[in-house]
Protein backbone atom coordinates (compact mmCIF):
# COMPACT_ATOMS: atom_id res chain seq x y z
CA UNK A 1 -1.23 11.51 43.69
CA UNK A 2 -2.75 8.18 44.78
CA UNK A 3 -5.20 8.33 47.63
CA UNK A 4 -4.53 6.30 50.77
CA UNK A 5 -6.74 3.29 51.55
CA UNK A 6 -10.06 3.55 53.32
CA UNK A 7 -10.98 3.12 56.98
CA UNK A 8 -12.10 -0.34 58.02
CA UNK A 9 -15.45 -1.04 59.65
CA UNK A 10 -15.25 -2.66 63.08
CA UNK A 11 -16.16 -6.12 61.76
CA UNK A 12 -13.28 -5.98 59.26
CA UNK A 13 -10.52 -5.09 61.73
CA UNK A 14 -8.15 -8.08 61.69
CA UNK A 15 -7.52 -10.15 64.81
CA UNK A 16 -3.74 -10.28 64.99
CA UNK A 17 -3.40 -12.26 68.20
CA UNK A 18 -1.14 -14.75 66.39
CA UNK A 19 2.20 -13.29 65.20
CA UNK A 20 1.73 -14.63 61.66
CA UNK A 21 -1.68 -12.94 61.43
CA UNK A 22 -0.02 -9.67 62.51
CA UNK A 23 2.72 -9.98 59.89
CA UNK A 24 0.19 -10.84 57.16
CA UNK A 25 -2.13 -7.95 58.07
CA UNK A 26 0.79 -5.49 58.13
CA UNK A 27 2.04 -6.71 54.74
CA UNK A 28 -1.49 -6.31 53.34
CA UNK A 29 -1.79 -2.77 54.71
CA UNK A 30 1.60 -1.86 53.27
CA UNK A 31 0.74 -3.39 49.87
CA UNK A 32 -2.53 -1.41 49.83
CA UNK A 33 -0.90 1.86 50.96
CA UNK A 34 -3.13 1.75 54.04
CA UNK A 35 -2.82 2.72 57.67
CA UNK A 36 -2.35 -0.53 59.58
CA UNK A 37 -4.93 -1.37 62.24
CA UNK A 38 -5.58 -4.51 64.25
CA UNK A 39 -6.84 -5.90 67.52
CA UNK A 40 -5.15 -8.67 69.47
CA UNK A 41 -5.97 -10.68 72.56
CA UNK A 42 -3.91 -9.38 75.47
CA UNK A 43 -4.36 -11.95 78.24
CA UNK A 44 -8.10 -12.10 78.90
CA UNK A 45 -8.62 -8.67 77.34
CA UNK A 46 -7.83 -6.94 74.04
CA UNK A 47 -5.36 -4.48 72.57
CA UNK A 48 -5.75 -2.01 69.67
CA UNK A 49 -2.82 -1.10 67.40
CA UNK A 50 -2.53 1.39 64.54
CA UNK A 51 0.55 2.28 62.51
CA UNK A 52 0.58 5.05 59.90
CA UNK A 53 4.03 4.01 58.63
CA UNK A 54 2.43 1.22 56.59
CA UNK A 55 1.00 3.96 54.36
CA UNK A 56 3.24 5.79 51.91
CA UNK A 57 1.19 8.96 52.33
CA UNK A 58 2.36 11.84 54.52
CA UNK A 59 2.15 11.10 58.20
CA UNK A 60 -0.49 12.72 60.33
CA UNK A 61 0.95 16.05 61.57
CA UNK A 62 1.62 16.61 65.27
CA UNK A 63 -1.31 19.03 65.64
CA UNK A 64 -3.70 16.39 64.32
CA UNK A 65 -2.15 13.65 66.46
CA UNK A 66 -2.97 15.83 69.45
CA UNK A 67 -6.66 15.18 68.70
CA UNK A 68 -6.07 11.41 68.74
CA UNK A 69 -3.97 11.71 71.90
CA UNK A 70 -6.79 13.60 73.60
CA UNK A 71 -9.31 10.92 72.62
CA UNK A 72 -7.02 8.18 73.94
CA UNK A 73 -6.54 10.07 77.20
CA UNK A 74 -10.33 10.30 77.55
CA UNK A 75 -10.52 6.49 77.23
CA UNK A 76 -7.92 6.15 79.98
CA UNK A 77 -9.72 8.63 82.23
CA UNK A 78 -13.08 6.88 81.86
CA UNK A 79 -11.50 3.47 82.53
CA UNK A 80 -12.11 1.96 79.07
CA UNK A 81 -8.36 1.35 78.74
CA UNK A 82 -5.59 1.41 81.31
CA UNK A 83 -2.73 2.38 79.00
CA UNK A 84 -2.42 4.26 75.75
CA UNK A 85 0.75 4.93 73.78
CA UNK A 86 0.49 7.60 71.11
CA UNK A 87 3.50 8.37 68.94
CA UNK A 88 3.99 10.41 65.79
CA UNK A 89 2.81 7.49 63.67
CA UNK A 90 1.67 4.80 66.10
CA UNK A 91 -1.20 4.21 68.53
CA UNK A 92 -1.71 1.32 70.95
CA UNK A 93 -4.27 0.98 73.74
CA UNK A 94 -4.92 -1.82 76.23
CA UNK A 95 -6.45 -3.64 78.06
CA UNK A 96 -9.93 -3.40 76.61
CA UNK A 97 -12.66 -5.52 78.18
CA UNK A 98 -14.25 -7.12 75.09
CA UNK A 99 -13.38 -7.87 71.48
CA UNK A 100 -16.43 -5.90 70.35
CA UNK A 101 -15.32 -2.78 72.23
CA UNK A 102 -11.76 -3.17 70.92
CA UNK A 103 -13.12 -3.33 67.37
CA UNK A 104 -15.24 -0.20 67.93
CA UNK A 105 -12.26 1.74 69.27
CA UNK A 106 -9.94 0.48 66.51
CA UNK A 107 -12.43 1.43 63.78
CA UNK A 108 -12.99 4.90 65.27
CA UNK A 109 -9.28 5.68 65.58
CA UNK A 110 -8.60 4.22 62.12
CA UNK A 111 -11.27 6.45 60.57
CA UNK A 112 -10.00 9.49 62.48
CA UNK A 113 -6.39 8.85 61.49
CA UNK A 114 -7.41 8.48 57.84
CA UNK A 115 -9.51 11.63 57.95
CA UNK A 116 -6.69 13.63 59.49
CA UNK A 117 -4.23 12.22 56.95
CA UNK A 118 -6.53 13.09 54.04
CA UNK A 119 -7.07 16.59 55.43
CA UNK A 120 -3.30 17.07 55.66
CA UNK A 121 -2.90 15.91 52.04
CA UNK A 122 -5.68 18.23 50.85
CA UNK A 123 -4.64 21.25 52.90
CA UNK A 124 -1.04 20.94 54.08
CA UNK A 125 -0.14 23.32 56.87
CA UNK A 126 2.10 26.31 56.33
CA UNK A 127 5.44 26.56 58.11
CA UNK A 128 5.17 28.12 61.56
CA UNK A 129 7.44 31.01 60.60
CA UNK A 130 5.29 32.28 57.71
CA UNK A 131 3.35 35.40 58.69
CA UNK A 132 -0.43 35.44 58.42
CA UNK A 133 -2.07 37.87 56.00
CA UNK A 134 -2.96 41.16 57.68
CA UNK A 135 -0.21 40.83 60.28
CA UNK A 136 -2.37 38.99 62.86
CA UNK A 137 -1.21 36.21 65.12
């Protein structure tokens, strides 16, 4: 089975402020079987976007997305971002004060999403209804 792409370093996260840049970056992610990530100017501040649907690999399971949701909520609580939308395969957060901070956040979430996706590929979860060995809960 082919492995998904690799996480991008902060400096390599594309600036997709312009719609054509966004389309081009998404096409590139899709062509490379990669999780899409970008930053974009949002007024005077910045926005982070990630989309696992660009990758052909299995999506990140709900339990793993809970980790990313918790991290995004922490950014809201500490005032780094005002809004965060976390879906089954999509993350967006805004407004972020500086481009540098947006890149740091995007790179961290991109790496985490990749790691969780790779872990799911390597050790897929068992169905909830299957009993555990030894009869425990």
